Amino acid sequence: MPATPALRRTLAVIAALPLLTLAACGYGSEAKDDDSVKVAAGAKKIDGLGSVRIGYFGNLTHGTALVGNQKGLFQKELGGTEAKYAVFNAGPSEIEALNSGSIDIGFIGPSPSVNGYTKSGGKNLRIIGGSASGGVSLVVNPDRVKSLKDVRGKRIATPQLGNTQDVAFLNWAAEQGWKVDAQSGTGDVTVVRSANKVTPDAFRAGSIDGAWVPEPTASKLVSQGGKVLLDEATLWPDEKFVITNIIVRQEFLEEHPKAVEAVLKASVEANRWINANPEEAKAAANKQLEADSGKALPAEVLDPAWKSIRFTDDPLAATLGSQAEHAVKAGLLEEPDLRGIYDLTLLNKVLKAAGEPAVDDAGLGVK
């Protein structure tokens, strides 16, 4: 039966969705290899693997991966198996790399996780852990926008049609009673889809009145005279919502659980060290950003951005489900079946060994 216009629109959106919090932010480089930490001589390989390929974004909300790379934590846990890294700028390219086998494990946002899982019919990836929460704000020009009510009638940027922040802003606008056509971005508020690397220029030029964006873009706008009007964390229970997950190829998880467990051990250790040593961790993350992109973040951007992010092993699974519901309500996603998207077995094993409590999959785990 021919697809209806509505179905064609939905499929087109899903196909185009980067659905990634930090898509094309300009602070990373596409699939850049980094082999700065070498394998220790004589170390034993895990499962006979020569390497494990880990993907992440060159952004602060991927601080777990940045610090884990910079301090050699992944390599330490992998022993004689080499930790190789690929740095991405956008969700679709990382999902494609995962699906093609170019990488084995990736740090990525919630929406591409949902998109990648549903598009493959639940066959290609699993979320195996959490990494970060928060780090998203509505930043406005204070001369034009004095209050939340003033947002009505203004031009507000989001990173891309259907990405995590786009969905969050559309959902928030709907809760204010405002009507916005999700596809065109027109209505009581004009939604301007603008890549994060472009948004600061648009803000400076006055072509937008504000932006609902992740870090470090939000803090960059503040450094240009913007004002944080709303921290998205305040809209969530306990001010926590997933911004970065850890995902793995299902085939790799089944064939090499010891290698996956090693990466999770390093991730848990990285988060523990970050939370115990915030200033040192911030410097380490920025050093790795510079190594990956050739450009470190200035203090006026780095400091406030780092403070707005919480690093956590908990994937905050219930909030992933809520984010998917928001996308459905906005008309940007068909009702997804997320059952089986999580497998937290190895993470909970690692947490138990570390004396930490288990985390929950909100009923969306494998059976």
Protein backbone atom coordinates (compact mmCIF):
# COMPACT_ATOMS: atom_id res chain seq x y z
CA MET A 1 0.00 0.00 0.00
CA PRO A 2 1.45 3.44 -0.89
CA ALA A 3 2.70 5.50 2.04
CA THR A 4 0.42 8.31 3.17
CA PRO A 5 1.76 11.89 3.07
CA ALA A 6 1.96 11.87 6.87
CA LEU A 7 3.91 8.61 6.89
CA ARG A 8 6.24 9.89 4.17
CA ARG A 9 6.91 13.01 6.22
CA THR A 10 7.62 10.92 9.31
CA LEU A 11 9.96 8.61 7.44
CA ALA A 12 11.74 11.59 5.89
CA VAL A 13 12.28 13.15 9.28
CA ILE A 14 13.55 9.91 10.77
CA ALA A 15 15.94 9.44 7.87
CA ALA A 16 17.24 12.98 8.27
CA LEU A 17 17.38 13.10 12.02
CA PRO A 18 20.83 13.45 13.48
CA LEU A 19 19.06 13.38 16.84
CA LEU A 20 22.21 14.19 18.64
CA THR A 21 22.73 16.73 21.31
CA LEU A 22 25.99 18.01 19.98
CA ALA A 23 25.65 17.55 16.28
CA ALA A 24 28.16 19.38 14.10
CA CYS A 25 29.27 21.59 16.95
CA GLY A 26 32.60 22.36 15.38
CA TYR A 27 34.75 21.42 18.36
CA GLY A 28 35.60 17.92 17.16
CA SER A 29 36.87 16.31 13.99
CA GLU A 30 35.21 13.62 11.95
CA ALA A 31 36.49 10.16 12.87
CA LYS A 32 39.95 11.36 13.80
CA ASP A 33 42.16 8.54 15.08
CA ASP A 34 44.15 9.14 18.23
CA ASP A 35 46.65 6.55 19.38
CA SER A 36 48.49 8.72 21.91
CA VAL A 37 48.39 6.16 24.75
CA LYS A 38 50.29 3.03 23.75
CA VAL A 39 49.83 -0.56 24.78
CA ALA A 40 52.11 -1.63 27.62
CA ALA A 41 54.80 -4.05 26.49
CA GLY A 42 53.94 -7.65 27.31
CA ALA A 43 50.38 -6.87 28.38
CA LYS A 44 47.80 -9.60 27.72
CA LYS A 45 45.12 -9.09 25.07
CA ILE A 46 41.47 -9.41 26.05
CA ASP A 47 39.72 -12.20 24.15
CA GLY A 48 42.65 -12.12 21.74
CA LEU A 49 41.47 -8.77 20.38
CA GLY A 50 44.06 -6.54 18.76
CA SER A 51 42.03 -3.40 19.43
CA VAL A 52 38.74 -1.95 20.65
CA ARG A 53 37.53 1.07 18.70
CA ILE A 54 35.82 3.74 20.80
CA GLY A 55 33.88 6.67 19.35
CA TYR A 56 32.98 9.92 21.05
CA PHE A 57 32.37 13.61 20.39
CA GLY A 58 34.87 16.36 21.03
CA ASN A 59 32.53 18.03 23.51
CA LEU A 60 32.38 18.51 27.25
CA THR A 61 29.24 16.41 27.64
CA HIS A 62 31.46 13.54 26.48
CA GLY A 63 33.87 14.34 29.31
CA THR A 64 33.93 10.71 30.46
CA ALA A 65 35.48 9.68 27.16
CA LEU A 66 37.76 12.72 27.00
CA VAL A 67 39.16 12.09 30.48
CA GLY A 68 39.29 8.33 29.99
CA ASN A 69 41.35 8.87 26.85
CA GLN A 70 43.58 11.60 28.25
CA LYS A 71 44.44 9.65 31.43
CA GLY A 72 44.84 6.32 29.65
CA LEU A 73 42.07 4.67 31.67
CA PHE A 74 40.60 2.73 28.74
CA GLN A 75 44.02 1.47 27.73
CA LYS A 76 44.81 0.46 31.31
CA GLU A 77 41.71 -1.72 31.57
CA LEU A 78 42.13 -3.19 28.08
CA GLY A 79 45.68 -4.32 28.79
CA GLY A 80 47.32 -5.67 25.66
CA THR A 81 44.28 -4.84 23.53
CA GLU A 82 44.80 -1.42 22.00
CA ALA A 83 42.27 1.32 22.69
CA LYS A 84 41.68 3.20 19.45
CA TYR A 85 39.59 6.35 19.23
CA ALA A 86 37.45 8.06 16.61
CA VAL A 87 36.11 11.57 17.24
CA PHE A 88 32.82 12.51 15.57
CA ASN A 89 30.90 15.71 14.95
CA ALA A 90 27.43 14.28 14.34
CA GLY A 91 25.19 11.44 15.45
CA PRO A 92 24.39 9.87 12.09
CA SER A 93 28.06 9.36 11.26
CA GLU A 94 28.74 7.70 14.60
CA ILE A 95 25.69 5.45 14.29
CA GLU A 96 26.77 4.58 10.75
CA ALA A 97 30.27 3.77 11.98
CA LEU A 98 28.83 1.55 14.71
CA ASN A 99 26.50 -0.26 12.33
CA SER A 100 29.26 -0.79 9.76
CA GLY A 101 31.68 -2.13 12.37
CA SER A 102 34.09 0.81 12.02
CA ILE A 103 33.77 1.35 15.78
CA ASP A 104 32.75 -1.06 18.51
CA ILE A 105 31.61 1.17 21.36
CA GLY A 106 30.46 4.79 21.31
CA PHE A 107 29.54 7.69 23.57
CA ILE A 108 26.46 9.33 22.06
CA GLY A 109 23.30 11.27 22.85
CA PRO A 110 19.88 9.81 23.69
CA SER A 111 18.03 10.68 20.50
CA PRO A 112 20.48 9.03 18.07
CA SER A 113 20.44 6.01 20.36
CA VAL A 114 16.66 5.81 19.96
CA ASN A 115 16.83 6.53 16.25
CA GLY A 116 19.59 3.98 15.60
CA TYR A 117 17.83 1.31 17.63
CA THR A 118 14.40 1.75 16.07
CA LYS A 119 15.63 2.08 12.50
CA SER A 120 17.43 -1.26 12.82
CA GLY A 121 14.41 -2.96 14.32
CA GLY A 122 16.27 -3.31 17.61
CA LYS A 123 19.09 -5.36 16.07
CA ASN A 124 22.17 -3.17 15.87
CA LEU A 125 22.94 -1.53 19.19
CA ARG A 126 22.45 -1.62 22.93
CA ILE A 127 22.81 1.10 25.53
CA ILE A 128 25.15 -0.34 28.14
CA GLY A 129 25.75 2.62 30.43
CA GLY A 130 25.37 6.26 31.22
CA SER A 131 27.93 9.02 31.02
CA ALA A 132 26.50 12.50 31.58
CA SER A 133 23.41 14.50 32.49
CA GLY A 134 22.50 18.15 31.95
CA GLY A 135 24.50 20.77 30.13
CA VAL A 136 21.65 22.29 28.10
CA SER A 137 20.25 25.82 28.43
CA LEU A 138 18.00 28.40 26.79
CA VAL A 139 20.28 31.41 26.30
CA VAL A 140 18.77 34.69 25.10
CA ASN A 141 19.66 38.23 24.16
CA PRO A 142 18.70 40.05 27.40
CA ASP A 143 17.89 43.25 25.51
CA ARG A 144 15.19 41.45 23.53
CA VAL A 145 13.99 38.76 25.93
CA LYS A 146 13.38 39.72 29.56
CA SER A 147 11.31 36.75 30.71
CA LEU A 148 10.13 33.30 29.63
CA LYS A 149 6.88 34.84 28.38
CA ASP A 150 8.91 37.10 26.10
CA VAL A 151 10.13 34.06 24.15
CA ARG A 152 6.79 34.04 22.33
CA GLY A 153 7.18 35.71 18.96
CA LYS A 154 10.97 35.44 19.00
CA ARG A 155 13.46 33.54 16.84
CA ILE A 156 15.06 30.72 18.82
CA ALA A 157 17.77 28.45 17.42
CA THR A 158 18.06 24.71 18.00
CA PRO A 159 20.87 22.56 16.56
CA GLN A 160 18.86 20.66 13.94
CA LEU A 161 15.37 19.48 13.05
CA GLY A 162 14.42 16.68 15.41
CA ASN A 163 17.64 16.66 17.42
CA THR A 164 17.47 16.30 21.20
CA GLN A 165 17.39 20.04 21.91
CA ASP A 166 14.93 20.70 19.09
CA VAL A 167 12.51 18.18 20.58
CA ALA A 168 13.03 19.59 24.08
CA PHE A 169 12.31 23.15 22.96
CA LEU A 170 9.22 22.14 20.97
CA ASN A 171 7.93 20.23 23.98
CA TRP A 172 8.57 23.18 26.30
CA ALA A 173 6.85 25.59 23.90
CA ALA A 174 3.82 23.29 23.71
CA GLU A 175 3.66 23.25 27.51
CA GLN A 176 3.43 27.07 27.42
CA GLY A 177 0.33 26.67 25.25
CA TRP A 178 2.10 27.90 22.13
CA LYS A 179 1.56 26.32 18.73
CA VAL A 180 4.54 25.64 16.48
CA ASP A 181 4.64 23.60 13.30
CA ALA A 182 7.47 21.16 14.01
CA GLN A 183 8.46 20.68 10.39
CA SER A 184 8.72 24.33 9.35
CA GLY A 185 9.48 25.78 12.77
CA THR A 186 6.84 28.49 12.29
CA GLY A 187 4.16 29.53 14.75
CA ASP A 188 3.96 31.36 18.06
CA VAL A 189 7.74 30.95 18.19
CA THR A 190 10.02 30.70 15.17
CA VAL A 191 12.42 27.76 15.53
CA VAL A 192 15.62 28.34 13.56
CA ARG A 193 17.57 25.13 12.93
CA SER A 194 21.21 26.20 13.13
CA ALA A 195 24.33 24.06 13.58
CA ASN A 196 26.01 24.78 16.90
CA LYS A 197 29.18 26.00 15.20
CA VAL A 198 27.08 28.62 13.34
CA THR A 199 24.77 29.69 16.18
CA PRO A 200 27.25 32.02 17.96
CA ASP A 201 27.73 34.01 14.73
CA ALA A 202 23.96 34.21 14.21
CA PHE A 203 23.50 35.34 17.81
CA ARG A 204 26.20 37.99 17.47
CA ALA A 205 24.67 39.23 14.23
CA GLY A 206 21.22 39.50 15.83
CA SER A 207 19.50 37.15 13.39
CA ILE A 208 18.29 35.02 16.32
CA ASP A 209 17.01 36.13 19.73
CA GLY A 210 18.24 33.10 21.60
CA ALA A 211 19.04 29.40 21.42
CA TRP A 212 18.21 26.15 23.21
CA VAL A 213 21.63 24.53 23.00
CA PRO A 214 24.09 22.19 24.72
CA GLU A 215 27.48 22.98 26.18
CA PRO A 216 29.85 24.46 25.32
CA THR A 217 27.69 26.41 22.84
CA ALA A 218 25.47 27.77 25.62
CA SER A 219 28.43 29.19 27.54
CA LYS A 220 29.90 30.58 24.34
CA LEU A 221 26.68 32.58 23.82
CA VAL A 222 26.88 33.81 27.41
CA SER A 223 30.45 34.96 26.78
CA GLN A 224 29.01 37.07 23.94
CA GLY A 225 26.55 38.81 26.24
CA GLY A 226 23.76 36.24 26.33
CA LYS A 227 21.82 35.32 29.46
CA VAL A 228 20.76 31.87 30.63
CA LEU A 229 16.99 32.18 30.84
CA LEU A 230 16.32 28.50 31.56
CA ASP A 231 18.46 25.52 32.50
CA GLU A 232 16.78 22.45 31.03
CA ALA A 233 17.74 20.43 34.10
CA THR A 234 15.13 22.35 36.10
CA LEU A 235 12.41 20.75 33.96
CA TRP A 236 13.34 17.20 34.97
CA PRO A 237 12.82 15.19 38.17
CA ASP A 238 15.82 15.65 40.48
CA GLU A 239 17.21 17.94 37.73
CA LYS A 240 18.65 14.92 35.92
CA PHE A 241 18.22 13.85 32.30
CA VAL A 242 20.45 11.81 30.02
CA ILE A 243 22.66 13.77 27.64
CA THR A 244 25.27 11.08 26.85
CA ASN A 245 24.94 7.27 26.73
CA ILE A 246 27.42 4.48 26.10
CA ILE A 247 26.34 2.20 23.25
CA VAL A 248 27.81 -0.94 21.71
CA ARG A 249 27.29 -3.11 18.67
CA GLN A 250 25.16 -6.04 19.75
CA GLU A 251 27.42 -8.46 17.89
CA PHE A 252 30.48 -7.10 19.66
CA LEU A 253 28.74 -7.30 23.05
CA GLU A 254 27.83 -10.94 22.46
CA GLU A 255 31.26 -11.96 21.18
CA HIS A 256 33.51 -9.88 23.45
CA PRO A 257 31.83 -9.22 26.81
CA LYS A 258 35.19 -9.04 28.62
CA ALA A 259 36.32 -6.20 26.38
CA VAL A 260 33.02 -4.36 26.92
CA GLU A 261 33.34 -4.87 30.66
CA ALA A 262 36.86 -3.41 30.54
CA VAL A 263 35.60 -0.27 28.78
CA LEU A 264 32.82 0.07 31.35
CA LYS A 265 35.34 -0.30 34.19
CA ALA A 266 37.33 2.55 32.68
CA SER A 267 34.19 4.65 32.26
CA VAL A 268 33.17 4.14 35.89
CA GLU A 269 36.71 4.99 37.02
CA ALA A 270 36.73 8.10 34.81
CA ASN A 271 33.46 9.34 36.29
CA ARG A 272 34.66 8.61 39.82
CA TRP A 273 37.86 10.59 39.21
CA ILE A 274 35.99 13.45 37.50
CA ASN A 275 33.61 13.85 40.42
CA ALA A 276 36.41 13.62 42.98
CA ASN A 277 38.73 15.99 41.12
CA PRO A 278 36.56 18.46 39.18
CA GLU A 279 39.25 21.06 38.47
CA GLU A 280 41.86 18.54 37.36
CA ALA A 281 39.23 16.69 35.34
CA LYS A 282 38.15 19.88 33.60
CA ALA A 283 41.77 20.56 32.62
CA ALA A 284 42.24 16.98 31.41
CA ALA A 285 39.09 17.14 29.29
CA ASN A 286 40.18 20.44 27.76
CA LYS A 287 43.64 19.04 27.04
CA GLN A 288 42.08 16.14 25.16
CA LEU A 289 39.78 18.53 23.30
CA GLU A 290 42.85 20.42 22.16
CA ALA A 291 44.56 17.18 21.10
CA ASP A 292 41.49 16.11 19.12
CA SER A 293 40.58 19.42 17.50
CA GLY A 294 43.67 21.60 17.76
CA LYS A 295 41.75 24.11 19.87
CA ALA A 296 41.18 24.27 23.61
CA LEU A 297 38.19 26.09 25.09
CA PRO A 298 38.86 29.47 26.74
CA ALA A 299 38.25 29.71 30.49
CA GLU A 300 35.18 31.94 30.10
CA VAL A 301 33.50 29.13 28.14
CA LEU A 302 35.07 26.09 29.80
CA ASP A 303 34.39 26.98 33.44
CA PRO A 304 30.61 27.58 33.35
CA ALA A 305 30.06 24.80 30.82
CA TRP A 306 31.80 22.22 33.01
CA LYS A 307 29.79 23.24 36.08
CA SER A 308 26.50 22.60 34.28
CA ILE A 309 27.24 18.94 33.50
CA ARG A 310 26.86 16.01 35.88
CA PHE A 311 28.86 12.89 35.16
CA THR A 312 27.03 9.71 36.11
CA ASP A 313 27.18 5.99 35.40
CA ASP A 314 23.38 5.85 35.57
CA PRO A 315 21.90 6.01 32.04
CA LEU A 316 18.76 7.64 33.50
CA ALA A 317 16.66 5.31 31.38
CA ALA A 318 13.30 6.79 32.36
CA THR A 319 14.32 10.14 30.89
CA LEU A 320 15.24 8.50 27.58
CA GLY A 321 11.70 7.16 27.39
CA SER A 322 10.33 10.62 28.14
CA GLN A 323 12.47 12.21 25.44
CA ALA A 324 11.14 9.71 22.90
CA GLU A 325 7.58 10.53 24.00
CA HIS A 326 8.26 14.23 23.46
CA ALA A 327 9.43 13.51 19.90
CA VAL A 328 6.25 11.53 19.25
CA LYS A 329 4.07 14.36 20.61
CA ALA A 330 5.89 16.85 18.40
CA GLY A 331 5.11 14.68 15.37
CA LEU A 332 8.78 13.98 14.67
CA LEU A 333 8.84 10.28 15.52
CA GLU A 334 6.45 7.38 15.25
CA GLU A 335 5.74 5.59 18.52
CA PRO A 336 8.96 3.58 19.08
CA ASP A 337 9.28 0.17 20.69
CA LEU A 338 12.27 0.65 23.00
CA ARG A 339 12.04 -2.67 24.80
CA GLY A 340 15.49 -4.22 24.77
CA ILE A 341 17.39 -1.02 24.05
CA TYR A 342 19.29 -1.41 27.35
CA ASP A 343 21.57 -4.14 28.61
CA LEU A 344 22.99 -2.98 31.93
CA THR A 345 24.17 -6.41 33.08
CA LEU A 346 27.90 -5.69 32.75
CA LEU A 347 27.62 -2.16 34.13
CA ASN A 348 25.85 -3.41 37.24
CA LYS A 349 28.52 -6.10 37.62
CA VAL A 350 31.20 -3.39 37.51
CA LEU A 351 29.29 -1.15 39.91
CA LYS A 352 28.79 -3.99 42.39
CA ALA A 353 32.52 -4.75 42.36
CA ALA A 354 33.16 -1.07 43.03
CA GLY A 355 30.73 -1.03 45.95
CA GLU A 356 28.24 1.14 44.09
CA PRO A 357 24.46 0.58 43.78
CA ALA A 358 22.93 -0.96 40.68
CA VAL A 359 21.21 1.23 38.09
CA ASP A 360 17.81 0.63 36.52
CA ASP A 361 16.71 0.21 32.89
CA ALA A 362 13.15 1.53 33.49
CA GLY A 363 11.69 -1.67 32.05
CA LEU A 364 13.45 -1.17 28.72
CA GLY A 365 16.13 -3.82 29.18
CA VAL A 366 16.71 -7.10 27.40
CA LYS A 367 14.81 -10.04 28.80
